[in-house]
Amino acid sequence: MACCSDYSGGGLNPKSPPHKPPGRKERIMDKEKVVKILKFYKTIDEEISLNESVIEELHERYYSTVGAARLDGMPRGKGGVSSPVETTILNVPESAYNTIRELTEANTKLNKVKLAILKELNSLPYLYKAIIIEFYIRGLQWGRISEHLHYSERQCKNVRNHALEKLSKNFDANKTISKFKFPA
């Protein structure tokens, strides 16, 4: 017969994990990932801007019809491609087209995740939100944050820890954020 110390069936054994209903798996994102997401949030606008500048440059290079129109007054034939716009579009490399499409899709996803993060930040109580935004988004030092909010630095750090716990649950529950592939 097995010794009673080997019993792990829940109940009164202090070593056994708390009972969870079957089928309910509680997942919580770790705080380090939350911090990475908050730091990434700061760079989303810059990344979107960079993608838009690449898209604009490719449009100017391949889709510009300036100079394509022949204004010499000479009659043109009726067969084949005669429109300068059609000629321009037919000559766009597939790689340029694919790059424009991929960057446009990436910007759409970045905008969605940015809005989802902002929604979760706005769902926090004022003090949590203020500390998270000032520390992670604005990059202020603890001394400035505590002075601004009239709390000690230690209190601000404790509130930050509670806010990160709350955000980890909220981020994990948000499908847009939990499915997005954040850079390492």
Protein backbone atom coordinates (compact mmCIF):
# COMPACT_ATOMS: atom_id res chain seq x y z
CA MET A 1 0.00 0.00 0.00
CA ALA A 2 1.29 3.46 -0.91
CA CYS A 3 2.14 5.94 1.79
CA CYS A 4 -0.39 8.69 2.31
CA SER A 5 2.24 11.37 1.55
CA ASP A 6 2.16 10.24 -2.08
CA TYR A 7 -1.51 11.19 -2.37
CA SER A 8 -1.96 14.01 -4.88
CA GLY A 9 -5.64 13.90 -5.63
CA GLY A 10 -6.48 17.42 -4.50
CA GLY A 11 -8.42 18.10 -1.39
CA LEU A 12 -6.55 18.75 1.81
CA ASN A 13 -3.02 17.97 0.65
CA PRO A 14 -1.15 21.30 0.75
CA LYS A 15 1.23 20.12 -1.99
CA SER A 16 -1.55 19.54 -4.51
CA PRO A 17 -2.43 22.33 -6.96
CA PRO A 18 -5.77 24.08 -6.51
CA HIS A 19 -8.65 22.35 -8.24
CA LYS A 20 -9.58 23.74 -11.65
CA PRO A 21 -12.69 22.69 -13.52
CA PRO A 22 -11.89 20.36 -16.42
CA GLY A 23 -11.54 22.05 -19.77
CA ARG A 24 -10.79 25.48 -18.30
CA LYS A 25 -7.21 26.37 -18.94
CA GLU A 26 -6.14 29.68 -17.50
CA ARG A 27 -3.45 31.27 -19.63
CA ILE A 28 -1.78 34.43 -18.58
CA MET A 29 0.81 36.22 -20.64
CA ASP A 30 4.04 36.80 -18.72
CA LYS A 31 5.01 40.33 -17.70
CA GLU A 32 8.13 40.34 -19.88
CA LYS A 33 6.00 39.87 -22.99
CA VAL A 34 3.67 42.66 -21.83
CA VAL A 35 6.69 44.97 -21.48
CA LYS A 36 7.88 44.00 -24.99
CA ILE A 37 4.42 44.78 -26.37
CA LEU A 38 4.38 48.17 -24.64
CA LYS A 39 7.83 48.99 -26.00
CA PHE A 40 6.74 47.85 -29.46
CA TYR A 41 3.66 50.09 -29.19
CA LYS A 42 5.99 53.11 -29.10
CA THR A 43 7.47 52.17 -32.48
CA ILE A 44 4.30 51.27 -34.39
CA ASP A 45 3.81 54.75 -35.87
CA GLU A 46 7.45 54.87 -37.01
CA GLU A 47 7.15 51.45 -38.63
CA ILE A 48 3.94 52.42 -40.43
CA SER A 49 5.59 55.64 -41.63
CA LEU A 50 8.61 53.72 -42.92
CA ASN A 51 6.37 51.26 -44.78
CA GLU A 52 4.39 54.13 -46.31
CA SER A 53 7.57 55.82 -47.53
CA VAL A 54 8.68 52.59 -49.24
CA ILE A 55 5.22 52.22 -50.81
CA GLU A 56 5.32 55.83 -52.01
CA GLU A 57 8.81 55.38 -53.49
CA LEU A 58 7.71 52.25 -55.36
CA HIS A 59 4.61 54.04 -56.65
CA GLU A 60 6.72 56.93 -57.92
CA ARG A 61 9.20 54.59 -59.55
CA TYR A 62 6.81 52.18 -61.25
CA TYR A 63 3.37 53.78 -61.42
CA SER A 64 4.26 57.29 -62.52
CA THR A 65 2.86 58.12 -65.96
CA VAL A 66 4.72 61.41 -66.26
CA GLY A 67 6.58 61.35 -69.54
CA ALA A 68 4.63 58.33 -70.77
CA ALA A 69 2.11 60.40 -72.70
CA ARG A 70 3.24 61.14 -76.21
CA LEU A 71 2.19 64.66 -77.04
CA ASP A 72 3.91 64.99 -80.42
CA GLY A 73 0.64 65.28 -82.36
CA MET A 74 1.32 62.19 -84.44
CA PRO A 75 -1.53 59.71 -85.05
CA ARG A 76 -1.30 56.39 -83.21
CA GLY A 77 -2.26 52.92 -84.35
CA LYS A 78 -5.47 51.25 -83.21
CA GLY A 79 -3.99 47.85 -82.23
CA GLY A 80 -2.28 46.85 -79.00
CA VAL A 81 -1.87 48.83 -75.80
CA SER A 82 -2.23 52.53 -76.46
CA SER A 83 -2.92 54.03 -73.08
CA PRO A 84 0.20 55.27 -71.24
CA VAL A 85 -1.35 54.15 -67.93
CA GLU A 86 -1.95 50.63 -69.26
CA THR A 87 1.61 50.51 -70.58
CA THR A 88 2.98 51.64 -67.23
CA ILE A 89 0.97 49.10 -65.23
CA LEU A 90 1.89 46.24 -67.57
CA ASN A 91 5.57 47.06 -67.01
CA VAL A 92 5.48 47.01 -63.17
CA PRO A 93 7.63 44.15 -61.86
CA GLU A 94 5.75 41.54 -59.87
CA SER A 95 8.17 41.98 -56.96
CA ALA A 96 7.26 45.67 -56.68
CA TYR A 97 3.56 44.87 -56.80
CA ASN A 98 3.98 42.16 -54.12
CA THR A 99 6.05 44.45 -51.90
CA ILE A 100 3.42 47.18 -52.07
CA ARG A 101 0.67 44.67 -51.27
CA GLU A 102 2.61 43.12 -48.35
CA LEU A 103 3.53 46.48 -46.82
CA THR A 104 -0.08 47.67 -47.12
CA GLU A 105 -1.27 44.51 -45.35
CA ALA A 106 1.42 44.93 -42.67
CA ASN A 107 0.27 48.52 -42.05
CA THR A 108 -3.32 47.34 -41.68
CA LYS A 109 -2.26 44.74 -39.10
CA LEU A 110 -0.07 47.27 -37.27
CA ASN A 111 -2.98 49.72 -37.06
CA LYS A 112 -5.27 46.99 -35.72
CA VAL A 113 -2.81 45.90 -33.03
CA LYS A 114 -2.11 49.51 -32.09
CA LEU A 115 -5.82 50.16 -31.58
CA ALA A 116 -6.18 46.92 -29.58
CA ILE A 117 -3.28 47.88 -27.27
CA LEU A 118 -4.71 51.37 -26.83
CA LYS A 119 -8.12 49.89 -26.01
CA GLU A 120 -6.59 47.70 -23.30
CA LEU A 121 -4.56 50.62 -21.90
CA ASN A 122 -7.70 52.74 -21.75
CA SER A 123 -9.53 50.00 -19.86
CA LEU A 124 -7.11 50.36 -16.93
CA PRO A 125 -7.88 52.54 -13.91
CA TYR A 126 -6.40 56.03 -14.16
CA LEU A 127 -3.37 55.46 -11.89
CA TYR A 128 -2.42 52.20 -13.62
CA LYS A 129 -2.77 53.80 -17.04
CA ALA A 130 -0.83 56.94 -16.05
CA ILE A 131 2.12 54.96 -14.70
CA ILE A 132 2.27 52.55 -17.66
CA ILE A 133 2.06 55.34 -20.23
CA GLU A 134 4.55 57.61 -18.49
CA PHE A 135 7.11 54.85 -17.87
CA TYR A 136 6.84 52.65 -20.97
CA ILE A 137 5.44 54.98 -23.62
CA ARG A 138 6.88 58.37 -22.68
CA GLY A 139 10.05 56.94 -21.08
CA LEU A 140 9.97 59.10 -17.94
CA GLN A 141 12.12 58.26 -14.91
CA TRP A 142 10.54 57.06 -11.66
CA GLY A 143 11.39 60.30 -9.89
CA ARG A 144 9.46 62.38 -12.42
CA ILE A 145 6.52 59.96 -12.41
CA SER A 146 6.26 59.92 -8.61
CA GLU A 147 6.51 63.72 -8.49
CA HIS A 148 3.82 64.11 -11.14
CA LEU A 149 1.40 61.61 -9.55
CA HIS A 150 2.20 62.52 -5.91
CA TYR A 151 3.11 58.96 -4.92
CA SER A 152 6.45 57.59 -3.73
CA GLU A 153 8.67 55.82 -6.25
CA ARG A 154 8.09 52.53 -4.41
CA GLN A 155 4.31 52.98 -4.62
CA CYS A 156 4.56 53.79 -8.32
CA LYS A 157 6.60 50.63 -8.94
CA ASN A 158 4.07 48.54 -6.98
CA VAL A 159 1.21 50.04 -9.00
CA ARG A 160 3.18 49.31 -12.18
CA ASN A 161 3.45 45.64 -11.17
CA HIS A 162 -0.30 45.42 -10.58
CA ALA A 163 -0.95 47.18 -13.89
CA LEU A 164 1.32 44.72 -15.73
CA GLU A 165 -0.57 41.80 -14.18
CA LYS A 166 -3.88 43.30 -15.29
CA LEU A 167 -2.52 44.01 -18.78
CA SER A 168 -1.16 40.48 -19.08
CA LYS A 169 -4.67 39.11 -18.56
CA ASN A 170 -6.23 41.70 -20.88
CA PHE A 171 -3.62 41.25 -23.63
CA ASP A 172 -3.96 37.49 -23.44
CA ALA A 173 -7.76 37.71 -23.72
CA ASN A 174 -7.58 40.13 -26.68
CA LYS A 175 -7.47 38.06 -29.89
CA THR A 176 -5.83 40.79 -31.97
CA ILE A 177 -2.94 41.14 -29.52
CA SER A 178 -2.53 37.47 -28.61
CA LYS A 179 -2.41 36.37 -32.28
CA PHE A 180 -0.08 39.14 -33.49
CA LYS A 181 3.54 38.10 -34.04
CA PHE A 182 5.57 40.72 -32.20
CA PRO A 183 9.25 41.12 -33.12
CA ALA A 184 11.68 39.38 -30.79
